[in-house]
Protein backbone atom coordinates (compact mmCIF):
# COMPACT_ATOMS: atom_id res chain seq x y z
CA MET A 1 -18.21 6.98 4.90
CA THR A 2 -16.53 6.28 1.59
CA LEU A 3 -14.11 8.41 -0.36
CA LYS A 4 -14.77 7.99 -4.09
CA LEU A 5 -12.10 8.91 -6.63
CA LEU A 6 -13.42 11.56 -9.01
CA GLU A 7 -13.13 10.45 -12.63
CA GLU A 8 -11.27 13.60 -13.69
CA HIS A 9 -8.44 12.77 -11.25
CA ARG A 10 -8.03 9.10 -12.18
CA GLU A 11 -5.23 9.76 -14.70
CA ARG A 12 -3.36 11.98 -12.21
CA LEU A 13 -3.24 9.15 -9.69
CA ARG A 14 -1.80 6.75 -12.26
CA LYS A 15 1.43 8.75 -12.23
CA PRO A 16 4.11 7.61 -9.75
CA PHE A 17 3.99 9.42 -6.41
CA GLY A 18 7.68 8.85 -5.77
CA GLN A 19 10.85 7.36 -7.19
CA VAL A 20 10.40 4.38 -9.56
CA LEU A 21 12.87 1.57 -8.82
CA SER A 22 13.49 -1.87 -10.26
CA PRO A 23 12.50 -4.71 -7.92
CA GLY A 24 16.17 -5.31 -7.06
CA GLU A 25 16.81 -1.62 -6.36
CA ALA A 26 13.68 -1.41 -4.20
CA ALA A 27 14.70 -4.46 -2.19
CA ALA A 28 18.22 -3.07 -1.73
CA ARG A 29 16.80 0.20 -0.39
CA ALA A 30 14.54 -1.73 1.97
CA ARG A 31 17.39 -3.96 3.20
CA ALA A 32 19.45 -0.82 3.90
CA ASN A 33 16.64 0.53 6.14
CA PRO A 34 14.51 -2.48 7.17
CA ALA A 35 13.03 -0.98 10.33
CA PHE A 36 9.63 -0.02 8.88
CA VAL A 37 8.87 -1.22 5.36
CA VAL A 38 5.33 -0.92 4.02
CA THR A 39 4.11 -2.56 0.80
CA VAL A 40 0.91 -1.96 -1.11
CA GLY A 41 0.08 -4.65 -3.62
CA ASP A 42 0.50 -8.38 -3.97
CA VAL A 43 3.45 -8.25 -6.34
CA SER A 44 5.22 -5.51 -4.35
CA THR A 45 4.82 -7.54 -1.17
CA ALA A 46 5.96 -10.76 -2.86
CA VAL A 47 9.01 -9.02 -4.38
CA MET A 48 10.12 -7.83 -0.95
CA LEU A 49 9.56 -11.24 0.63
CA GLU A 50 11.47 -12.96 -2.20
CA HIS A 51 14.39 -10.56 -1.60
CA GLY A 52 14.48 -11.28 2.14
CA VAL A 53 12.64 -8.14 3.27
CA THR A 54 9.64 -8.67 5.55
CA PRO A 55 7.27 -5.70 5.58
CA ARG A 56 5.91 -4.36 8.85
CA VAL A 57 2.63 -3.55 7.07
CA ALA A 58 1.41 -5.02 3.77
CA PHE A 59 -1.79 -4.50 1.79
CA ILE A 60 -2.94 -7.21 -0.63
CA ASP A 61 -6.09 -8.16 -2.56
CA PHE A 62 -4.96 -11.40 -4.29
CA LYS A 63 -5.04 -9.64 -7.67
CA THR A 64 -2.54 -8.07 -10.04
CA ILE A 65 -3.66 -5.64 -12.74
CA ARG A 66 -7.22 -6.72 -11.90
CA GLY A 67 -6.55 -10.42 -12.62
CA PRO A 68 -5.80 -13.24 -10.20
CA ILE A 69 -2.25 -13.45 -8.90
CA PRO A 70 -0.14 -16.35 -10.18
CA PRO A 71 0.16 -19.41 -7.91
CA SER A 72 3.86 -18.64 -7.35
CA THR A 73 2.98 -15.19 -5.95
CA ALA A 74 0.24 -16.68 -3.77
CA GLU A 75 2.74 -19.21 -2.42
CA VAL A 76 5.21 -16.46 -1.47
CA LEU A 77 2.47 -14.40 0.18
CA SER A 78 1.28 -17.42 2.17
CA ARG A 79 4.61 -17.46 4.01
CA PHE A 80 4.13 -13.91 5.36
CA GLU A 81 3.35 -14.27 9.06
CA ALA A 82 1.41 -11.30 10.35
CA LYS A 83 -1.75 -10.29 12.15
CA VAL A 84 -4.47 -10.11 9.50
CA PHE A 85 -6.87 -7.19 9.18
CA LYS A 86 -9.68 -7.41 6.63
CA ALA A 87 -11.57 -4.69 4.81
CA ARG A 88 -13.95 -4.30 1.89
CA ASN A 89 -12.83 -1.63 -0.53
CA PRO A 90 -14.36 -1.45 -4.03
CA ALA A 91 -12.25 -0.20 -6.94
CA GLY A 92 -11.85 3.57 -7.08
CA THR A 93 -12.67 4.09 -3.42
CA ILE A 94 -11.23 4.29 0.05
CA THR A 95 -13.88 3.04 2.45
CA GLY A 96 -14.18 3.85 6.12
CA GLU A 97 -13.68 0.14 6.76
CA ALA A 98 -10.38 0.22 4.83
CA LEU A 99 -9.24 3.35 6.69
CA GLU A 100 -10.03 1.66 10.00
CA ALA A 101 -8.11 -1.49 9.02
CA CYS A 102 -5.18 0.67 7.91
CA GLY A 103 -5.10 2.51 11.23
CA LYS A 104 -5.25 -0.72 13.24
CA ALA A 105 -2.53 -2.30 11.08
CA PHE A 106 -0.15 0.61 11.65
CA GLU A 107 -0.97 0.66 15.37
CA HIS A 108 -0.12 -3.05 15.61
CA ALA A 109 3.09 -2.54 13.63
CA ALA A 110 4.11 0.43 15.78
CA ALA A 111 3.85 -1.88 18.80
CA GLY A 112 6.36 -4.22 17.16
CA GLY A 113 4.07 -6.58 15.25
CA ARG A 114 3.62 -7.29 11.57
CA SER A 115 0.32 -6.49 9.87
CA LEU A 116 -1.34 -7.79 6.72
CA VAL A 117 -4.38 -5.94 5.42
CA VAL A 118 -6.37 -8.24 3.13
CA VAL A 119 -8.66 -6.16 0.98
CA GLU A 120 -11.77 -7.57 -0.61
CA GLY A 121 -12.04 -5.45 -3.74
CA GLU A 122 -9.03 -3.33 -4.60
CA GLU A 123 -6.05 -2.19 -2.52
CA ASP A 124 -4.46 0.18 -5.10
CA LEU A 125 -5.50 3.42 -3.39
CA MET A 126 -4.40 2.25 0.06
CA ILE A 127 -1.04 3.93 -0.56
CA ILE A 128 -2.84 7.19 0.29
CA PRO A 129 -3.84 6.37 3.88
CA ALA A 130 -0.60 4.40 4.28
CA VAL A 131 1.45 7.55 3.60
CA LEU A 132 -0.61 9.42 6.19
CA GLU A 133 -0.31 6.66 8.82
CA ALA A 134 3.34 5.70 8.28
CA PRO A 135 5.92 6.97 10.76
CA GLU A 136 8.77 9.21 9.69
CA GLY A 137 11.64 7.10 8.40
CA ALA A 138 9.42 4.39 6.95
CA LEU A 139 9.80 3.20 3.37
CA LEU A 140 6.59 2.65 1.42
CA PHE A 141 6.54 0.69 -1.84
CA TYR A 142 3.76 0.11 -4.33
CA GLY A 143 3.75 -1.32 -7.83
CA GLN A 144 3.75 0.79 -10.97
CA PRO A 145 2.57 -1.59 -13.73
CA ASN A 146 5.23 -2.35 -16.33
CA GLU A 147 7.70 0.04 -14.64
CA GLY A 148 8.75 -1.25 -11.22
CA LEU A 149 8.14 -0.34 -7.61
CA VAL A 150 7.54 3.21 -6.46
CA LEU A 151 9.28 4.33 -3.27
CA VAL A 152 7.36 6.90 -1.23
CA LEU A 153 8.82 8.49 1.89
CA PRO A 154 6.28 9.69 4.47
CA THR A 155 7.87 13.11 4.87
CA ALA A 156 5.90 16.10 6.12
CA GLU A 157 5.81 17.40 2.52
CA ASN A 158 4.52 14.11 1.11
CA LYS A 159 1.91 13.88 3.86
CA ARG A 160 0.77 17.41 2.99
CA LYS A 161 0.54 16.53 -0.73
CA THR A 162 -1.36 13.35 0.14
CA ARG A 163 -3.89 15.26 2.26
CA GLU A 164 -4.35 17.71 -0.66
CA THR A 165 -4.94 14.78 -3.00
CA LEU A 166 -7.61 13.42 -0.67
CA GLU A 167 -9.32 16.81 -0.60
CA ASP A 168 -9.06 17.49 -4.35
CA ALA A 169 -9.45 14.09 -5.99
CA PHE A 170 -12.06 12.38 -3.83
CA GLN A 171 -15.70 12.96 -3.03
CA LYS A 172 -16.97 11.98 0.40
CA GLU A 173 -20.07 9.79 0.35
CA GLU A 174 -21.98 8.88 3.47
CA LYS A 175 -23.36 5.33 3.53
């Protein structure tokens, strides 16, 4: 099963789904509540690591704005020690494989470990299942190109909105 983003909703999902913060502000928020930090994106993950915050769950694809990440970012990411989960996830989709990897990553993190989900394809939409999987009190960060990092709190209201987005903006395809 694959969830495919409907073209008419693509622009809607480009808008921040939370509070936009500078990298320094985002790291300060994470340091104030480091118990369960989640990052989606190579740059978001690297920013946190560079600021001394180690995510419990991170999603990366070795790309930034669809190009390769710079060597300096790759070097920072290489220092992140975590159990690795892999998934294929083409652009504009959330695959069953990616959902499964997300679930396993959060399960491992809930048991006290650190998880790294390495996505072959694109990890951008993984913020959606991450919001649904994250425990209350977690801090989720993803990159908003040319703006900063977006902080999303997995509140009951945000989980409800996220489920609505999945229902409205995606078409289920069986493979």
